Amino acid sequence: MDLLKLVALDNDDIEVLSAHIQDSVVKVGDILWHPAEKRIVIVINRFDWESAQGLEPPFRRRRAALRFERVNAVKARQITCSDKEAVLNLLAVEFAPTDAPAGQVILTFSGGAALRLDVECLEAELADLGPVWATATCPSHIEASAVKTA
């Protein structure tokens, strides 16, 4: 399979990018904020959804980089930035315009953790870095309607 490379410049683009990085795992130490360059780079281990054709292994993960440009500020919720080995499970990425073309990029992680990027405009890129490895499990999500309460 060819290496994936996507650019996101609008809401439609960010939805496609979000679908490809759903269930990626990220170490806090792999979130690299460069304020002088107005850039944040997040190195992820993304689940290779395009290769997951059925419910049987082998499934794959790929090392990839997620980059956002024109970032004015980064805010974290329920993320201990000093705990570089902590692992986060990335669920989705969304863009909310504020004063167009400016807005906020929200990276939502499991357990209520989130990153909010205040951006001049949406300019993101996802690029596979090459390494790929097999994993025995496929991420799954329990729908709220399927959860029974006691």
C-alpha atoms as a PDB file:
ATOM      1  CA  MET A   1       0.000   0.000   0.000  1.00  0.00           C
ATOM      2  CA  ASP A   2       1.202   3.492  -0.826  1.00  0.00           C
ATOM      3  CA  LEU A   3       1.974   5.926   1.930  1.00  0.00           C
ATOM      4  CA  LEU A   4      -0.958   8.179   2.775  1.00  0.00           C
ATOM      5  CA  LYS A   5      -0.577  11.949   2.471  1.00  0.00           C
ATOM      6  CA  LEU A   6      -3.557  14.257   3.011  1.00  0.00           C
ATOM      7  CA  VAL A   7      -3.937  18.028   3.243  1.00  0.00           C
ATOM      8  CA  ALA A   8      -6.860  19.690   5.018  1.00  0.00           C
ATOM      9  CA  LEU A   9      -7.854  23.272   4.192  1.00  0.00           C
ATOM     10  CA  ASP A  10     -11.604  23.189   4.947  1.00  0.00           C
ATOM     11  CA  ASN A  11     -14.230  21.292   6.967  1.00  0.00           C
ATOM     12  CA  ASP A  12     -14.729  18.605   4.309  1.00  0.00           C
ATOM     13  CA  ASP A  13     -10.980  17.948   4.227  1.00  0.00           C
ATOM     14  CA  ILE A  14     -10.655  17.768   8.024  1.00  0.00           C
ATOM     15  CA  GLU A  15     -13.483  15.206   8.180  1.00  0.00           C
ATOM     16  CA  VAL A  16     -11.595  12.937   5.765  1.00  0.00           C
ATOM     17  CA  LEU A  17      -8.357  13.430   7.709  1.00  0.00           C
ATOM     18  CA  SER A  18     -10.171  12.703  10.981  1.00  0.00           C
ATOM     19  CA  ALA A  19     -11.548   9.435   9.610  1.00  0.00           C
ATOM     20  CA  HIS A  20      -8.043   8.260   8.728  1.00  0.00           C
ATOM     21  CA  ILE A  21      -6.591   9.050  12.148  1.00  0.00           C
ATOM     22  CA  GLN A  22      -9.461   7.783  14.288  1.00  0.00           C
ATOM     23  CA  ASP A  23      -8.102   5.472  16.989  1.00  0.00           C
ATOM     24  CA  SER A  24      -4.505   6.614  16.591  1.00  0.00           C
ATOM     25  CA  VAL A  25      -2.368   6.392  19.702  1.00  0.00           C
ATOM     26  CA  VAL A  26      -0.137   9.276  20.700  1.00  0.00           C
ATOM     27  CA  LYS A  27       2.493   9.671  23.386  1.00  0.00           C
ATOM     28  CA  VAL A  28       2.321  13.069  25.073  1.00  0.00           C
ATOM     29  CA  GLY A  29       6.059  13.426  24.390  1.00  0.00           C
ATOM     30  CA  ASP A  30       5.305  13.135  20.646  1.00  0.00           C
ATOM     31  CA  ILE A  31       3.221  16.325  20.653  1.00  0.00           C
ATOM     32  CA  LEU A  32       5.686  18.962  19.509  1.00  0.00           C
ATOM     33  CA  TRP A  33       4.602  22.617  19.768  1.00  0.00           C
ATOM     34  CA  HIS A  34       6.836  25.183  18.024  1.00  0.00           C
ATOM     35  CA  PRO A  35       5.340  28.576  18.958  1.00  0.00           C
ATOM     36  CA  ALA A  36       7.964  30.648  17.107  1.00  0.00           C
ATOM     37  CA  GLU A  37       7.064  28.781  13.891  1.00  0.00           C
ATOM     38  CA  LYS A  38       3.310  28.711  14.686  1.00  0.00           C
ATOM     39  CA  ARG A  39       3.369  24.948  14.103  1.00  0.00           C
ATOM     40  CA  ILE A  40       2.396  21.844  16.017  1.00  0.00           C
ATOM     41  CA  VAL A  41       3.491  18.388  14.910  1.00  0.00           C
ATOM     42  CA  ILE A  42       2.001  15.254  16.439  1.00  0.00           C
ATOM     43  CA  VAL A  43       3.652  11.916  15.739  1.00  0.00           C
ATOM     44  CA  ILE A  44       0.994   9.210  15.839  1.00  0.00           C
ATOM     45  CA  ASN A  45       0.634   5.463  15.501  1.00  0.00           C
ATOM     46  CA  ARG A  46      -2.435   5.432  13.301  1.00  0.00           C
ATOM     47  CA  PHE A  47      -4.655   2.422  12.799  1.00  0.00           C
ATOM     48  CA  ASP A  48      -4.579   1.565   9.082  1.00  0.00           C
ATOM     49  CA  TRP A  49      -8.331   1.574   8.436  1.00  0.00           C
ATOM     50  CA  GLU A  50      -7.919   1.209   4.677  1.00  0.00           C
ATOM     51  CA  SER A  51      -6.231  -2.181   5.137  1.00  0.00           C
ATOM     52  CA  ALA A  52      -8.791  -3.430   7.693  1.00  0.00           C
ATOM     53  CA  GLN A  53     -11.153  -5.174   5.287  1.00  0.00           C
ATOM     54  CA  GLY A  54     -12.783  -7.577   7.730  1.00  0.00           C
ATOM     55  CA  LEU A  55     -12.973  -8.446  11.375  1.00  0.00           C
ATOM     56  CA  GLU A  56     -10.052 -10.870  11.228  1.00  0.00           C
ATOM     57  CA  PRO A  57      -6.386 -10.019  11.884  1.00  0.00           C
ATOM     58  CA  PRO A  58      -3.801  -9.160  10.839  1.00  0.00           C
ATOM     59  CA  PHE A  59      -4.536  -5.479  11.268  1.00  0.00           C
ATOM     60  CA  ARG A  60      -1.880  -2.800  10.880  1.00  0.00           C
ATOM     61  CA  ARG A  61      -0.674   0.387  12.457  1.00  0.00           C
ATOM     62  CA  ARG A  62       1.502   2.956  10.721  1.00  0.00           C
ATOM     63  CA  ARG A  63       3.754   5.688  12.032  1.00  0.00           C
ATOM     64  CA  ALA A  64       2.521   9.052  10.751  1.00  0.00           C
ATOM     65  CA  ALA A  65       2.876  12.772  11.359  1.00  0.00           C
ATOM     66  CA  LEU A  66      -0.007  15.177  11.807  1.00  0.00           C
ATOM     67  CA  ARG A  67       0.996  18.816  11.271  1.00  0.00           C
ATOM     68  CA  PHE A  68      -0.917  22.049  11.798  1.00  0.00           C
ATOM     69  CA  GLU A  69       0.371  25.415  10.562  1.00  0.00           C
ATOM     70  CA  ARG A  70      -0.579  28.998  11.523  1.00  0.00           C
ATOM     71  CA  VAL A  71      -1.238  27.993  15.133  1.00  0.00           C
ATOM     72  CA  ASN A  72      -1.407  30.950  17.522  1.00  0.00           C
ATOM     73  CA  ALA A  73      -2.057  29.033  20.756  1.00  0.00           C
ATOM     74  CA  VAL A  74      -2.439  25.511  22.127  1.00  0.00           C
ATOM     75  CA  LYS A  75      -4.581  24.612  25.134  1.00  0.00           C
ATOM     76  CA  ALA A  76      -4.746  21.166  26.764  1.00  0.00           C
ATOM     77  CA  ARG A  77      -7.572  19.651  28.819  1.00  0.00           C
ATOM     78  CA  GLN A  78      -6.960  16.586  31.023  1.00  0.00           C
ATOM     79  CA  ILE A  79      -3.483  16.095  29.540  1.00  0.00           C
ATOM     80  CA  THR A  80      -0.467  16.179  31.848  1.00  0.00           C
ATOM     81  CA  CYS A  81       2.099  17.736  29.530  1.00  0.00           C
ATOM     82  CA  SER A  82       5.006  16.777  31.824  1.00  0.00           C
ATOM     83  CA  ASP A  83       4.106  13.053  31.602  1.00  0.00           C
ATOM     84  CA  LYS A  84       5.856  12.425  28.267  1.00  0.00           C
ATOM     85  CA  GLU A  85       5.164   8.651  28.352  1.00  0.00           C
ATOM     86  CA  ALA A  86       1.394   8.986  28.829  1.00  0.00           C
ATOM     87  CA  VAL A  87      -0.528   7.501  25.907  1.00  0.00           C
ATOM     88  CA  LEU A  88      -3.605   9.153  24.428  1.00  0.00           C
ATOM     89  CA  ASN A  89      -6.174   7.585  22.111  1.00  0.00           C
ATOM     90  CA  LEU A  90      -7.159  10.079  19.393  1.00  0.00           C
ATOM     91  CA  LEU A  91     -10.844   9.860  18.507  1.00  0.00           C
ATOM     92  CA  ALA A  92     -11.504  12.813  16.199  1.00  0.00           C
ATOM     93  CA  VAL A  93     -10.316  16.131  14.808  1.00  0.00           C
ATOM     94  CA  GLU A  94     -12.749  18.966  14.128  1.00  0.00           C
ATOM     95  CA  PHE A  95     -12.554  22.570  12.961  1.00  0.00           C
ATOM     96  CA  ALA A  96     -14.827  25.285  14.357  1.00  0.00           C
ATOM     97  CA  PRO A  97     -14.573  28.655  12.595  1.00  0.00           C
ATOM     98  CA  THR A  98     -14.570  31.701  14.867  1.00  0.00           C
ATOM     99  CA  ASP A  99     -13.721  34.793  12.773  1.00  0.00           C
ATOM    100  CA  ALA A 100     -13.309  33.255   9.300  1.00  0.00           C
ATOM    101  CA  PRO A 101     -10.877  32.087   8.175  1.00  0.00           C
ATOM    102  CA  ALA A 102      -9.639  31.806  11.782  1.00  0.00           C
ATOM    103  CA  GLY A 103     -10.962  29.165  14.114  1.00  0.00           C
ATOM    104  CA  GLN A 104     -10.229  26.365  16.519  1.00  0.00           C
ATOM    105  CA  VAL A 105      -9.034  22.869  15.755  1.00  0.00           C
ATOM    106  CA  ILE A 106     -10.205  20.444  18.439  1.00  0.00           C
ATOM    107  CA  LEU A 107      -8.409  17.112  18.850  1.00  0.00           C
ATOM    108  CA  THR A 108     -10.588  14.874  21.015  1.00  0.00           C
ATOM    109  CA  PHE A 109      -9.045  11.955  22.902  1.00  0.00           C
ATOM    110  CA  SER A 110     -10.720   9.198  24.903  1.00  0.00           C
ATOM    111  CA  GLY A 111     -11.377   9.858  28.574  1.00  0.00           C
ATOM    112  CA  GLY A 112     -12.283  13.524  28.008  1.00  0.00           C
ATOM    113  CA  ALA A 113      -8.792  14.729  27.089  1.00  0.00           C
ATOM    114  CA  ALA A 114      -8.504  17.319  24.337  1.00  0.00           C
ATOM    115  CA  LEU A 115      -6.202  19.770  22.600  1.00  0.00           C
ATOM    116  CA  ARG A 116      -7.525  23.069  21.267  1.00  0.00           C
ATOM    117  CA  LEU A 117      -5.483  24.853  18.628  1.00  0.00           C
ATOM    118  CA  ASP A 118      -6.317  28.495  17.915  1.00  0.00           C
ATOM    119  CA  VAL A 119      -5.457  28.921  14.227  1.00  0.00           C
ATOM    120  CA  GLU A 120      -5.327  31.807  11.752  1.00  0.00           C
ATOM    121  CA  CYS A 121      -6.860  29.430   9.204  1.00  0.00           C
ATOM    122  CA  LEU A 122      -7.144  25.675   8.753  1.00  0.00           C
ATOM    123  CA  GLU A 123      -3.931  24.271   7.308  1.00  0.00           C
ATOM    124  CA  ALA A 124      -3.210  20.652   8.253  1.00  0.00           C
ATOM    125  CA  GLU A 125      -1.316  17.728   6.780  1.00  0.00           C
ATOM    126  CA  LEU A 126      -1.238  14.018   7.561  1.00  0.00           C
ATOM    127  CA  ALA A 127       1.678  12.029   6.174  1.00  0.00           C
ATOM    128  CA  ASP A 128       2.649   8.416   6.736  1.00  0.00           C
ATOM    129  CA  LEU A 129       6.294   8.115   7.734  1.00  0.00           C
ATOM    130  CA  GLY A 130       6.836   4.571   6.510  1.00  0.00           C
ATOM    131  CA  PRO A 131       7.073   2.104   9.379  1.00  0.00           C
ATOM    132  CA  VAL A 132       4.148  -0.326   9.549  1.00  0.00           C
ATOM    133  CA  TRP A 133       3.548  -3.255  11.911  1.00  0.00           C
ATOM    134  CA  ALA A 134       0.883  -5.873  12.548  1.00  0.00           C
ATOM    135  CA  THR A 135      -1.528  -5.664  15.448  1.00  0.00           C
ATOM    136  CA  ALA A 136      -3.966  -8.358  16.538  1.00  0.00           C
ATOM    137  CA  THR A 137      -6.802  -6.046  17.524  1.00  0.00           C
ATOM    138  CA  CYS A 138      -9.118  -3.739  15.649  1.00  0.00           C
ATOM    139  CA  PRO A 139     -10.423  -0.722  17.582  1.00  0.00           C
ATOM    140  CA  SER A 140     -14.143  -0.787  18.274  1.00  0.00           C
ATOM    141  CA  HIS A 141     -16.555   1.590  19.907  1.00  0.00           C
ATOM    142  CA  ILE A 142     -19.631   0.696  21.912  1.00  0.00           C
ATOM    143  CA  GLU A 143     -22.597   2.790  20.836  1.00  0.00           C
ATOM    144  CA  ALA A 144     -24.285   4.648  23.672  1.00  0.00           C
ATOM    145  CA  SER A 145     -27.609   3.010  22.761  1.00  0.00           C
ATOM    146  CA  ALA A 146     -26.010  -0.436  23.145  1.00  0.00           C
ATOM    147  CA  VAL A 147     -24.828   0.213  26.695  1.00  0.00           C
ATOM    148  CA  LYS A 148     -27.243  -1.124  29.308  1.00  0.00           C
ATOM    149  CA  THR A 149     -27.609   0.632  32.594  1.00  0.00           C
ATOM    150  CA  ALA A 150     -28.153  -1.184  35.870  1.00  0.00           C
END
